[in-house]
C-alpha atoms as a PDB file:
ATOM      1  CA  MET A   1      52.015 110.468 161.778  1.00  0.00           C
ATOM      2  CA  GLU A   2      48.783 110.131 163.704  1.00  0.00           C
ATOM      3  CA  GLY A   3      46.619 110.680 160.588  1.00  0.00           C
ATOM      4  CA  GLU A   4      48.591 108.123 158.681  1.00  0.00           C
ATOM      5  CA  ILE A   5      48.313 105.535 161.328  1.00  0.00           C
ATOM      6  CA  SER A   6      44.565 106.082 161.856  1.00  0.00           C
ATOM      7  CA  GLY A   7      43.974 106.074 158.086  1.00  0.00           C
ATOM      8  CA  ALA A   8      45.965 102.874 157.684  1.00  0.00           C
ATOM      9  CA  ILE A   9      43.846 101.096 160.312  1.00  0.00           C
ATOM     10  CA  ARG A  10      40.600 102.157 158.702  1.00  0.00           C
ATOM     11  CA  ALA A  11      41.800 101.147 155.202  1.00  0.00           C
ATOM     12  CA  LYS A  12      43.544  97.945 156.528  1.00  0.00           C
ATOM     13  CA  ARG A  13      46.804  99.064 154.883  1.00  0.00           C
ATOM     14  CA  VAL A  14      50.201  97.572 155.930  1.00  0.00           C
ATOM     15  CA  LEU A  15      52.669  99.942 157.523  1.00  0.00           C
ATOM     16  CA  ASN A  16      56.448  99.957 157.036  1.00  0.00           C
ATOM     17  CA  ILE A  17      58.174 101.429 160.079  1.00  0.00           C
ATOM     18  CA  ASN A  18      61.753 101.919 161.274  1.00  0.00           C
ATOM     19  CA  TYR A  19      61.719 100.954 164.969  1.00  0.00           C
ATOM     20  CA  SER A  20      64.790  99.763 166.846  1.00  0.00           C
ATOM     21  CA  PRO A  21      66.522  97.593 165.985  1.00  0.00           C
ATOM     22  CA  GLY A  22      65.503  98.098 162.360  1.00  0.00           C
ATOM     23  CA  ASN A  23      62.859  98.027 159.616  1.00  0.00           C
ATOM     24  CA  ARG A  24      59.558  96.203 160.316  1.00  0.00           C
ATOM     25  CA  THR A  25      56.323  95.558 158.339  1.00  0.00           C
ATOM     26  CA  ILE A  26      53.192  95.539 160.451  1.00  0.00           C
ATOM     27  CA  GLU A  27      49.413  95.148 160.140  1.00  0.00           C
ATOM     28  CA  PRO A  28      48.149  98.002 162.409  1.00  0.00           C
ATOM     29  CA  HIS A  29      45.168  97.076 164.565  1.00  0.00           C
ATOM     30  CA  THR A  30      44.820  99.641 167.478  1.00  0.00           C
ATOM     31  CA  PHE A  31      46.121 103.156 167.968  1.00  0.00           C
ATOM     32  CA  GLY A  32      45.663 105.115 171.241  1.00  0.00           C
ATOM     33  CA  ARG A  33      47.129 106.628 174.349  1.00  0.00           C
ATOM     34  CA  GLY A  34      48.852 104.794 177.181  1.00  0.00           C
ATOM     35  CA  SER A  35      48.804 105.488 180.866  1.00  0.00           C
ATOM     36  CA  ASP A  36      51.270 108.427 180.590  1.00  0.00           C
ATOM     37  CA  GLY A  37      49.458 109.824 177.533  1.00  0.00           C
ATOM     38  CA  GLN A  38      52.071 108.427 175.090  1.00  0.00           C
ATOM     39  CA  LEU A  39      50.860 107.349 171.691  1.00  0.00           C
ATOM     40  CA  LEU A  40      50.835 103.595 171.237  1.00  0.00           C
ATOM     41  CA  LEU A  41      50.274 101.359 168.168  1.00  0.00           C
ATOM     42  CA  ARG A  42      49.327  97.775 168.507  1.00  0.00           C
ATOM     43  CA  GLY A  43      50.073  95.700 165.427  1.00  0.00           C
ATOM     44  CA  TYR A  44      50.827  92.260 164.065  1.00  0.00           C
ATOM     45  CA  GLN A  45      54.402  92.307 162.766  1.00  0.00           C
ATOM     46  CA  ILE A  46      54.658  90.230 159.622  1.00  0.00           C
ATOM     47  CA  SER A  47      58.308  90.677 158.892  1.00  0.00           C
ATOM     48  CA  GLY A  48      61.424  92.543 159.819  1.00  0.00           C
ATOM     49  CA  ALA A  49      63.807  93.221 162.702  1.00  0.00           C
ATOM     50  CA  SER A  50      62.887  92.227 166.277  1.00  0.00           C
ATOM     51  CA  ALA A  51      64.558  92.935 169.577  1.00  0.00           C
ATOM     52  CA  SER A  52      62.729  90.026 171.063  1.00  0.00           C
ATOM     53  CA  GLY A  53      63.948  87.567 168.327  1.00  0.00           C
ATOM     54  CA  GLU A  54      60.304  87.079 167.163  1.00  0.00           C
ATOM     55  CA  PRO A  55      59.990  88.568 163.686  1.00  0.00           C
ATOM     56  CA  THR A  56      56.274  87.685 163.418  1.00  0.00           C
ATOM     57  CA  ASN A  57      53.981  88.329 166.449  1.00  0.00           C
ATOM     58  CA  TRP A  58      51.796  90.803 168.188  1.00  0.00           C
ATOM     59  CA  LYS A  59      53.815  93.906 169.067  1.00  0.00           C
ATOM     60  CA  LEU A  60      53.179  97.162 170.964  1.00  0.00           C
ATOM     61  CA  PHE A  61      55.043 100.204 169.570  1.00  0.00           C
ATOM     62  CA  ARG A  62      55.603 103.653 171.178  1.00  0.00           C
ATOM     63  CA  VAL A  63      54.846 106.061 168.303  1.00  0.00           C
ATOM     64  CA  ASP A  64      57.472 108.515 169.604  1.00  0.00           C
ATOM     65  CA  GLN A  65      60.197 105.805 168.922  1.00  0.00           C
ATOM     66  CA  ILE A  66      59.123 105.246 165.281  1.00  0.00           C
ATOM     67  CA  ALA A  67      61.959 106.800 163.235  1.00  0.00           C
ATOM     68  CA  LYS A  68      60.254 106.509 159.988  1.00  0.00           C
ATOM     69  CA  LEU A  69      56.687 105.399 158.766  1.00  0.00           C
ATOM     70  CA  SER A  70      55.200 104.859 155.441  1.00  0.00           C
ATOM     71  CA  VAL A  71      51.775 103.470 154.462  1.00  0.00           C
ATOM     72  CA  SER A  72      51.985 100.712 151.942  1.00  0.00           C
ATOM     73  CA  GLU A  73      49.671  99.962 149.033  1.00  0.00           C
ATOM     74  CA  ALA A  74      49.381  96.434 150.419  1.00  0.00           C
ATOM     75  CA  THR A  75      46.258  95.640 152.421  1.00  0.00           C
ATOM     76  CA  PHE A  76      45.351  92.856 154.853  1.00  0.00           C
ATOM     77  CA  ASP A  77      42.038  91.103 155.318  1.00  0.00           C
ATOM     78  CA  GLY A  78      41.219  92.086 158.818  1.00  0.00           C
ATOM     79  CA  PRO A  79      41.880  91.293 162.464  1.00  0.00           C
ATOM     80  CA  ARG A  80      44.472  88.574 163.146  1.00  0.00           C
ATOM     81  CA  PRO A  81      43.581  85.716 165.446  1.00  0.00           C
ATOM     82  CA  GLY A  82      44.110  86.943 169.039  1.00  0.00           C
ATOM     83  CA  TYR A  83      43.059  90.475 168.373  1.00  0.00           C
ATOM     84  CA  LYS A  84      41.012  92.151 171.094  1.00  0.00           C
ATOM     85  CA  ARG A  85      39.099  95.374 170.599  1.00  0.00           C
ATOM     86  CA  GLY A  86      39.535  97.897 173.393  1.00  0.00           C
ATOM     87  CA  ASP A  87      43.175  97.125 173.963  1.00  0.00           C
ATOM     88  CA  LYS A  88      44.002  97.434 177.592  1.00  0.00           C
ATOM     89  CA  ALA A  89      47.338  99.094 176.914  1.00  0.00           C
ATOM     90  CA  MET A  90      45.420 102.154 175.629  1.00  0.00           C
ATOM     91  CA  LYS A  91      44.500 103.260 179.180  1.00  0.00           C
ATOM     92  CA  ASN A  92      43.831 106.938 178.061  1.00  0.00           C
ATOM     93  CA  GLY A  93      41.676 106.116 175.086  1.00  0.00           C
ATOM     94  CA  VAL A  94      41.611 104.422 171.715  1.00  0.00           C
ATOM     95  CA  ILE A  95      41.945 106.705 168.759  1.00  0.00           C
ATOM     96  CA  ALA A  96      41.462 104.085 166.031  1.00  0.00           C
ATOM     97  CA  GLU A  97      40.921 100.346 165.946  1.00  0.00           C
ATOM     98  CA  LEU A  98      39.679  97.630 163.603  1.00  0.00           C
END
């Protein structure tokens, strides 16, 4: 899964994931390790389920909680407004970022 996420960021490809409470479509922006070493993915969700009630917005996902992931053929233009390189959630290092 790590290679797929990193590759999707480099190629600006949309990801389809299953993450509670359901399926989501996201534009991946940053992938790295959090304070406890957990893998994290920061992305802009463009559609799908949302526990917060916001189906479109910036989201932070724990990779170990992604039940299913597929890289779409769809691409996106680049960083969304509000994107910040060097995401502070990735306290133990960024693996890939736009």
